[in-house]
Amino acid sequence: MTATTTASPRIRLDEFLLLLDTHHPFAKVLGIQILEIGHGTATLSLPPNPSFQRLGGIVAGPMLMGLADLAMYAAIVGATGNAEAVTASLTINFLRKSPPGTIYAHARVLKTGRLCAGDVTLISEGSSEPLAHSVSTWSLPKA
């Protein structure tokens, strides 16, 4: 099943937020906001935080990688309902400097099965140009 399906998400936004609170508290540490979960899609945001910047005032790569990873997790849980999904691989290409400000992550699942795959595009507030592009695969343990 792909992200283009019109099926309903396998988890509601409020259920996903509870899942994060109980099992993935790092999302709160970064202040990541879950804006939308669909069936194989998700949109998240990383709010501005001076602590996330590196020399030159750009948002540090590890913050962007954490955002991309959580966005894909949300999309996969939205597609499969399997909260036990774990990252098997993640590759990220940084395409341009990430200015201070809100960063948005748009995730989509491209393949589901025992292994899931998808990509995430990161965009800064007020721009349509991608800052980074991530591709990841995920393992889905049997429920």
N, C-alpha and C. Protein backbone atom coordinates (compact mmCIF):
# COMPACT_ATOMS: atom_id res chain seq x y z
N MET A 1 0.84 -1.17 0.00
CA MET A 1 0.00 0.00 0.00
C MET A 1 0.88 1.23 0.00
N THR A 2 0.55 2.25 -0.72
CA THR A 2 1.36 3.46 -0.81
C THR A 2 0.68 4.63 -0.13
N ALA A 3 1.42 5.72 -0.06
CA ALA A 3 0.90 6.92 0.59
C ALA A 3 -0.24 7.55 -0.19
N THR A 4 -0.48 7.13 -1.43
CA THR A 4 -1.53 7.75 -2.22
C THR A 4 -2.91 7.15 -1.94
N THR A 5 -2.98 6.17 -1.08
CA THR A 5 -4.26 5.55 -0.75
C THR A 5 -5.15 6.53 0.00
N THR A 6 -6.45 6.33 -0.09
CA THR A 6 -7.39 7.20 0.62
C THR A 6 -7.90 6.53 1.90
N ALA A 7 -7.27 5.45 2.31
CA ALA A 7 -7.67 4.77 3.53
C ALA A 7 -7.44 5.65 4.75
N SER A 8 -8.20 5.39 5.78
CA SER A 8 -8.06 6.13 7.03
C SER A 8 -6.79 5.69 7.75
N PRO A 9 -6.18 6.61 8.51
CA PRO A 9 -5.00 6.23 9.28
C PRO A 9 -5.34 5.15 10.30
N ARG A 10 -4.36 4.31 10.61
CA ARG A 10 -4.55 3.22 11.56
C ARG A 10 -4.40 3.68 13.01
N ILE A 11 -4.09 4.96 13.20
CA ILE A 11 -4.00 5.55 14.53
C ILE A 11 -4.47 7.00 14.42
N ARG A 12 -5.22 7.43 15.43
CA ARG A 12 -5.66 8.83 15.46
C ARG A 12 -4.55 9.70 16.05
N LEU A 13 -4.60 10.96 15.75
CA LEU A 13 -3.59 11.89 16.24
C LEU A 13 -3.49 11.87 17.76
N ASP A 14 -4.62 11.88 18.46
CA ASP A 14 -4.59 11.86 19.93
C ASP A 14 -3.98 10.57 20.46
N GLU A 15 -4.23 9.44 19.79
CA GLU A 15 -3.63 8.16 20.19
C GLU A 15 -2.12 8.17 19.96
N PHE A 16 -1.69 8.77 18.86
CA PHE A 16 -0.27 8.85 18.57
C PHE A 16 0.45 9.73 19.60
N LEU A 17 -0.18 10.83 19.97
CA LEU A 17 0.42 11.70 20.99
C LEU A 17 0.56 10.98 22.32
N LEU A 18 -0.42 10.17 22.68
CA LEU A 18 -0.32 9.37 23.90
C LEU A 18 0.81 8.35 23.78
N LEU A 19 0.94 7.73 22.63
CA LEU A 19 2.03 6.78 22.38
C LEU A 19 3.38 7.46 22.58
N LEU A 20 3.54 8.66 22.05
CA LEU A 20 4.79 9.38 22.23
C LEU A 20 5.04 9.70 23.70
N ASP A 21 4.01 10.16 24.40
CA ASP A 21 4.17 10.50 25.82
C ASP A 21 4.60 9.30 26.65
N THR A 22 4.06 8.13 26.34
CA THR A 22 4.32 6.95 27.16
C THR A 22 5.55 6.16 26.73
N HIS A 23 5.91 6.19 25.44
CA HIS A 23 6.99 5.32 24.96
C HIS A 23 8.13 6.03 24.25
N HIS A 24 7.94 7.29 23.85
CA HIS A 24 8.98 8.00 23.10
C HIS A 24 9.12 9.44 23.60
N PRO A 25 9.55 9.61 24.85
CA PRO A 25 9.58 10.96 25.43
C PRO A 25 10.57 11.91 24.77
N PHE A 26 11.51 11.40 23.96
CA PHE A 26 12.48 12.28 23.31
C PHE A 26 11.80 13.32 22.42
N ALA A 27 10.62 12.99 21.89
CA ALA A 27 9.91 13.93 21.02
C ALA A 27 9.60 15.22 21.77
N LYS A 28 9.30 15.10 23.08
CA LYS A 28 9.03 16.30 23.88
C LYS A 28 10.31 17.09 24.13
N VAL A 29 11.43 16.39 24.29
CA VAL A 29 12.70 17.06 24.52
C VAL A 29 13.01 17.99 23.35
N LEU A 30 12.77 17.52 22.13
CA LEU A 30 13.02 18.33 20.95
C LEU A 30 11.89 19.32 20.66
N GLY A 31 10.74 19.14 21.31
CA GLY A 31 9.61 20.03 21.09
C GLY A 31 8.91 19.79 19.76
N ILE A 32 9.13 18.63 19.17
CA ILE A 32 8.52 18.31 17.88
C ILE A 32 7.01 18.27 18.03
N GLN A 33 6.33 18.88 17.08
CA GLN A 33 4.87 18.90 17.08
C GLN A 33 4.36 18.01 15.94
N ILE A 34 3.39 17.17 16.26
CA ILE A 34 2.77 16.31 15.26
C ILE A 34 1.56 17.08 14.73
N LEU A 35 1.62 17.50 13.50
CA LEU A 35 0.55 18.32 12.93
C LEU A 35 -0.53 17.49 12.27
N GLU A 36 -0.14 16.38 11.64
CA GLU A 36 -1.11 15.57 10.90
C GLU A 36 -0.57 14.16 10.68
N ILE A 37 -1.45 13.18 10.84
CA ILE A 37 -1.12 11.79 10.51
C ILE A 37 -2.19 11.28 9.58
N GLY A 38 -1.75 10.72 8.47
CA GLY A 38 -2.66 10.08 7.52
C GLY A 38 -2.30 8.62 7.38
N HIS A 39 -2.90 7.95 6.44
CA HIS A 39 -2.57 6.55 6.16
C HIS A 39 -1.32 6.55 5.28
N GLY A 40 -0.16 6.47 5.94
CA GLY A 40 1.10 6.48 5.21
C GLY A 40 1.68 7.86 4.98
N THR A 41 1.16 8.85 5.66
CA THR A 41 1.70 10.21 5.57
C THR A 41 1.72 10.84 6.95
N ALA A 42 2.57 11.83 7.10
CA ALA A 42 2.60 12.59 8.35
C ALA A 42 3.27 13.93 8.08
N THR A 43 2.85 14.93 8.83
CA THR A 43 3.48 16.25 8.80
C THR A 43 3.80 16.63 10.23
N LEU A 44 5.06 16.95 10.48
CA LEU A 44 5.53 17.33 11.80
C LEU A 44 6.28 18.65 11.68
N SER A 45 6.51 19.29 12.82
CA SER A 45 7.32 20.51 12.80
C SER A 45 8.28 20.53 13.99
N LEU A 46 9.42 21.13 13.73
CA LEU A 46 10.43 21.37 14.75
C LEU A 46 10.47 22.87 14.97
N PRO A 47 10.04 23.33 16.17
CA PRO A 47 10.00 24.78 16.40
C PRO A 47 11.41 25.36 16.54
N PRO A 48 11.54 26.66 16.34
CA PRO A 48 12.85 27.29 16.50
C PRO A 48 13.35 27.15 17.93
N ASN A 49 14.64 26.93 18.07
CA ASN A 49 15.25 26.82 19.39
C ASN A 49 16.74 27.14 19.21
N PRO A 50 17.23 28.17 19.84
CA PRO A 50 18.66 28.51 19.71
C PRO A 50 19.58 27.35 20.09
N SER A 51 19.13 26.46 20.97
CA SER A 51 19.94 25.31 21.37
C SER A 51 20.13 24.31 20.23
N PHE A 52 19.31 24.39 19.19
CA PHE A 52 19.40 23.46 18.07
C PHE A 52 20.36 23.96 16.98
N GLN A 53 20.90 25.17 17.17
CA GLN A 53 21.76 25.75 16.14
C GLN A 53 23.23 25.42 16.39
N ARG A 54 23.93 25.29 15.29
CA ARG A 54 25.38 25.09 15.35
C ARG A 54 26.05 26.37 14.87
N LEU A 55 27.36 26.37 14.77
CA LEU A 55 28.09 27.54 14.30
C LEU A 55 27.49 28.04 12.99
N GLY A 56 27.38 29.35 12.88
CA GLY A 56 26.81 29.94 11.68
C GLY A 56 25.30 30.13 11.78
N GLY A 57 24.68 29.69 12.89
CA GLY A 57 23.26 29.89 13.10
C GLY A 57 22.35 28.95 12.35
N ILE A 58 22.90 27.87 11.77
CA ILE A 58 22.05 26.92 11.06
C ILE A 58 21.59 25.82 12.01
N VAL A 59 20.44 25.23 11.71
CA VAL A 59 19.92 24.15 12.54
C VAL A 59 20.83 22.94 12.35
N ALA A 60 21.26 22.34 13.45
CA ALA A 60 22.21 21.22 13.42
C ALA A 60 21.59 19.97 12.80
N GLY A 61 22.41 19.23 12.08
CA GLY A 61 21.98 18.01 11.41
C GLY A 61 21.30 16.99 12.31
N PRO A 62 21.80 16.73 13.52
CA PRO A 62 21.14 15.74 14.37
C PRO A 62 19.68 16.10 14.70
N MET A 63 19.39 17.40 14.80
CA MET A 63 18.01 17.82 15.05
C MET A 63 17.14 17.48 13.84
N LEU A 64 17.66 17.72 12.64
CA LEU A 64 16.93 17.42 11.42
C LEU A 64 16.74 15.92 11.24
N MET A 65 17.76 15.14 11.59
CA MET A 65 17.65 13.69 11.49
C MET A 65 16.61 13.15 12.46
N GLY A 66 16.58 13.69 13.68
CA GLY A 66 15.56 13.27 14.64
C GLY A 66 14.16 13.59 14.16
N LEU A 67 13.99 14.77 13.57
CA LEU A 67 12.70 15.17 13.02
C LEU A 67 12.28 14.23 11.89
N ALA A 68 13.20 13.93 10.97
CA ALA A 68 12.90 13.04 9.84
C ALA A 68 12.55 11.64 10.33
N ASP A 69 13.27 11.14 11.30
CA ASP A 69 13.02 9.79 11.82
C ASP A 69 11.65 9.71 12.48
N LEU A 70 11.32 10.69 13.29
CA LEU A 70 10.01 10.68 13.96
C LEU A 70 8.88 10.86 12.96
N ALA A 71 9.09 11.68 11.93
CA ALA A 71 8.06 11.87 10.91
C ALA A 71 7.77 10.56 10.19
N MET A 72 8.82 9.80 9.84
CA MET A 72 8.59 8.53 9.15
C MET A 72 7.92 7.53 10.09
N TYR A 73 8.30 7.54 11.37
CA TYR A 73 7.64 6.66 12.34
C TYR A 73 6.14 6.96 12.38
N ALA A 74 5.78 8.23 12.42
CA ALA A 74 4.36 8.60 12.45
C ALA A 74 3.64 8.12 11.20
N ALA A 75 4.26 8.27 10.04
CA ALA A 75 3.64 7.83 8.79
C ALA A 75 3.47 6.31 8.76
N ILE A 76 4.46 5.58 9.27
CA ILE A 76 4.39 4.11 9.28
C ILE A 76 3.34 3.62 10.25
N VAL A 77 3.28 4.21 11.44
CA VAL A 77 2.23 3.81 12.38
C VAL A 77 0.87 4.18 11.81
N GLY A 78 0.78 5.30 11.12
CA GLY A 78 -0.46 5.68 10.47
C GLY A 78 -0.89 4.70 9.39
N ALA A 79 0.08 4.09 8.71
CA ALA A 79 -0.22 3.14 7.64
C ALA A 79 -0.47 1.74 8.15
N THR A 80 0.25 1.34 9.21
CA THR A 80 0.22 -0.06 9.64
C THR A 80 -0.43 -0.28 11.00
N GLY A 81 -0.45 0.73 11.84
CA GLY A 81 -0.93 0.57 13.20
C GLY A 81 0.09 -0.11 14.11
N ASN A 82 1.27 -0.43 13.58
CA ASN A 82 2.28 -1.16 14.35
C ASN A 82 3.22 -0.17 15.05
N ALA A 83 2.99 0.04 16.35
CA ALA A 83 3.79 0.97 17.13
C ALA A 83 5.17 0.42 17.46
N GLU A 84 5.41 -0.87 17.16
CA GLU A 84 6.69 -1.50 17.44
C GLU A 84 7.69 -1.31 16.30
N ALA A 85 7.33 -0.58 15.25
CA ALA A 85 8.22 -0.36 14.12
C ALA A 85 9.52 0.28 14.59
N VAL A 86 10.64 -0.17 14.01
CA VAL A 86 11.95 0.38 14.35
C VAL A 86 12.73 0.70 13.08
N THR A 87 13.53 1.73 13.16
CA THR A 87 14.34 2.15 12.03
C THR A 87 15.38 1.08 11.73
N ALA A 88 15.44 0.64 10.47
CA ALA A 88 16.48 -0.30 10.03
C ALA A 88 17.62 0.47 9.36
N SER A 89 17.28 1.52 8.63
CA SER A 89 18.31 2.37 8.01
C SER A 89 17.72 3.75 7.78
N LEU A 90 18.59 4.74 7.78
CA LEU A 90 18.17 6.10 7.50
C LEU A 90 19.32 6.82 6.82
N THR A 91 19.04 7.37 5.65
CA THR A 91 20.01 8.17 4.92
C THR A 91 19.41 9.56 4.75
N ILE A 92 20.23 10.55 4.98
CA ILE A 92 19.74 11.92 4.81
C ILE A 92 20.73 12.69 3.95
N ASN A 93 20.18 13.47 3.04
CA ASN A 93 20.98 14.37 2.21
C ASN A 93 20.61 15.80 2.59
N PHE A 94 21.61 16.55 3.06
CA PHE A 94 21.40 17.94 3.40
C PHE A 94 21.61 18.75 2.12
N LEU A 95 20.58 19.43 1.68
CA LEU A 95 20.60 20.10 0.39
C LEU A 95 20.98 21.57 0.46
N ARG A 96 20.72 22.20 1.58
CA ARG A 96 21.08 23.61 1.77
C ARG A 96 21.09 23.89 3.27
N LYS A 97 21.63 25.04 3.64
CA LYS A 97 21.68 25.43 5.04
C LYS A 97 20.26 25.57 5.58
N SER A 98 20.09 25.15 6.83
CA SER A 98 18.78 25.24 7.49
C SER A 98 18.75 26.50 8.33
N PRO A 99 18.02 27.53 7.88
CA PRO A 99 17.99 28.77 8.65
C PRO A 99 17.23 28.58 9.96
N PRO A 100 17.51 29.44 10.95
CA PRO A 100 16.72 29.37 12.18
C PRO A 100 15.24 29.58 11.84
N GLY A 101 14.39 28.94 12.58
CA GLY A 101 12.95 29.04 12.34
C GLY A 101 12.34 27.66 12.34
N THR A 102 11.06 27.59 12.15
CA THR A 102 10.35 26.32 12.15
C THR A 102 10.74 25.50 10.92
N ILE A 103 10.98 24.21 11.15
CA ILE A 103 11.29 23.27 10.07
C ILE A 103 10.13 22.28 10.00
N TYR A 104 9.61 22.06 8.80
CA TYR A 104 8.51 21.12 8.59
C TYR A 104 9.02 19.85 7.93
N ALA A 105 8.47 18.72 8.38
CA ALA A 105 8.80 17.41 7.81
C ALA A 105 7.54 16.83 7.19
N HIS A 106 7.65 16.45 5.93
CA HIS A 106 6.54 15.82 5.21
C HIS A 106 6.98 14.40 4.86
N ALA A 107 6.36 13.42 5.52
CA ALA A 107 6.74 12.01 5.35
C ALA A 107 5.70 11.27 4.54
N ARG A 108 6.19 10.28 3.77
CA ARG A 108 5.27 9.41 3.04
C ARG A 108 5.87 8.01 2.97
N VAL A 109 5.01 7.04 3.19
CA VAL A 109 5.40 5.64 3.09
C VAL A 109 5.28 5.23 1.63
N LEU A 110 6.31 4.59 1.12
CA LEU A 110 6.32 4.14 -0.27
C LEU A 110 6.03 2.66 -0.40
N LYS A 111 6.32 1.89 0.67
CA LYS A 111 6.11 0.44 0.65
C LYS A 111 5.86 -0.04 2.06
N THR A 112 4.88 -0.93 2.21
CA THR A 112 4.67 -1.58 3.50
C THR A 112 4.80 -3.08 3.33
N GLY A 113 5.08 -3.75 4.40
CA GLY A 113 5.29 -5.19 4.44
C GLY A 113 6.09 -5.50 5.69
N ARG A 114 6.86 -6.59 5.69
CA ARG A 114 7.73 -6.86 6.84
C ARG A 114 8.73 -5.73 7.00
N LEU A 115 9.19 -5.21 5.88
CA LEU A 115 10.00 -4.00 5.87
C LEU A 115 9.18 -2.90 5.22
N CYS A 116 9.23 -1.72 5.79
CA CYS A 116 8.56 -0.56 5.20
C CYS A 116 9.64 0.40 4.72
N ALA A 117 9.31 1.19 3.73
CA ALA A 117 10.24 2.19 3.22
C ALA A 117 9.48 3.47 2.92
N GLY A 118 10.18 4.58 3.04
CA GLY A 118 9.56 5.85 2.74
C GLY A 118 10.57 6.97 2.72
N ASP A 119 10.07 8.17 2.48
CA ASP A 119 10.96 9.31 2.46
C ASP A 119 10.33 10.50 3.18
N VAL A 120 11.20 11.42 3.55
CA VAL A 120 10.79 12.63 4.26
C VAL A 120 11.49 13.81 3.60
N THR A 121 10.72 14.84 3.34
CA THR A 121 11.27 16.09 2.84
C THR A 121 11.16 17.13 3.94
N LEU A 122 12.27 17.81 4.23
CA LEU A 122 12.31 18.86 5.25
C LEU A 122 12.34 20.22 4.56
N ILE A 123 11.47 21.12 5.02
CA ILE A 123 11.33 22.44 4.41
C ILE A 123 11.26 23.47 5.53
N SER A 124 11.91 24.62 5.33
CA SER A 124 11.83 25.67 6.35
C SER A 124 10.58 26.51 6.13
N GLU A 125 10.14 27.10 7.20
CA GLU A 125 8.95 27.95 7.17
C GLU A 125 9.13 29.07 6.15
N GLY A 126 8.11 29.26 5.32
CA GLY A 126 8.14 30.32 4.34
C GLY A 126 8.89 29.99 3.06
N SER A 127 9.29 28.73 2.88
CA SER A 127 10.02 28.34 1.69
C SER A 127 9.41 27.08 1.10
N SER A 128 9.58 26.89 -0.19
CA SER A 128 9.14 25.64 -0.81
C SER A 128 10.34 24.80 -1.23
N GLU A 129 11.55 25.33 -1.02
CA GLU A 129 12.77 24.63 -1.38
C GLU A 129 13.15 23.64 -0.28
N PRO A 130 13.37 22.38 -0.62
CA PRO A 130 13.76 21.40 0.40
C PRO A 130 15.12 21.72 1.02
N LEU A 131 15.18 21.55 2.35
CA LEU A 131 16.45 21.69 3.07
C LEU A 131 17.21 20.37 3.09
N ALA A 132 16.43 19.29 3.20
CA ALA A 132 17.02 17.96 3.30
C ALA A 132 16.01 16.93 2.83
N HIS A 133 16.54 15.80 2.43
CA HIS A 133 15.68 14.68 1.99
C HIS A 133 16.22 13.42 2.65
N SER A 134 15.33 12.68 3.29
CA SER A 134 15.71 11.46 4.00
C SER A 134 14.97 10.27 3.40
N VAL A 135 15.66 9.16 3.30
CA VAL A 135 15.06 7.89 2.89
C VAL A 135 15.36 6.89 4.00
N SER A 136 14.34 6.13 4.42
CA SER A 136 14.58 5.15 5.48
C SER A 136 13.78 3.89 5.25
N THR A 137 14.30 2.82 5.84
CA THR A 137 13.56 1.55 5.88
C THR A 137 13.32 1.22 7.34
N TRP A 138 12.24 0.50 7.55
CA TRP A 138 11.81 0.18 8.91
C TRP A 138 11.45 -1.30 8.99
N SER A 139 11.76 -1.89 10.11
CA SER A 139 11.39 -3.26 10.40
C SER A 139 10.09 -3.25 11.20
N LEU A 140 9.18 -4.13 10.82
CA LEU A 140 7.90 -4.25 11.54
C LEU A 140 7.84 -5.60 12.23
N PRO A 141 8.11 -5.64 13.53
CA PRO A 141 7.96 -6.89 14.27
C PRO A 141 6.52 -7.38 14.20
N LYS A 142 6.36 -8.69 14.25
CA LYS A 142 4.99 -9.24 14.26
C LYS A 142 4.28 -8.79 15.51
N ALA A 143 3.02 -8.43 15.34
CA ALA A 143 2.22 -7.95 16.49
C ALA A 143 1.89 -9.10 17.43
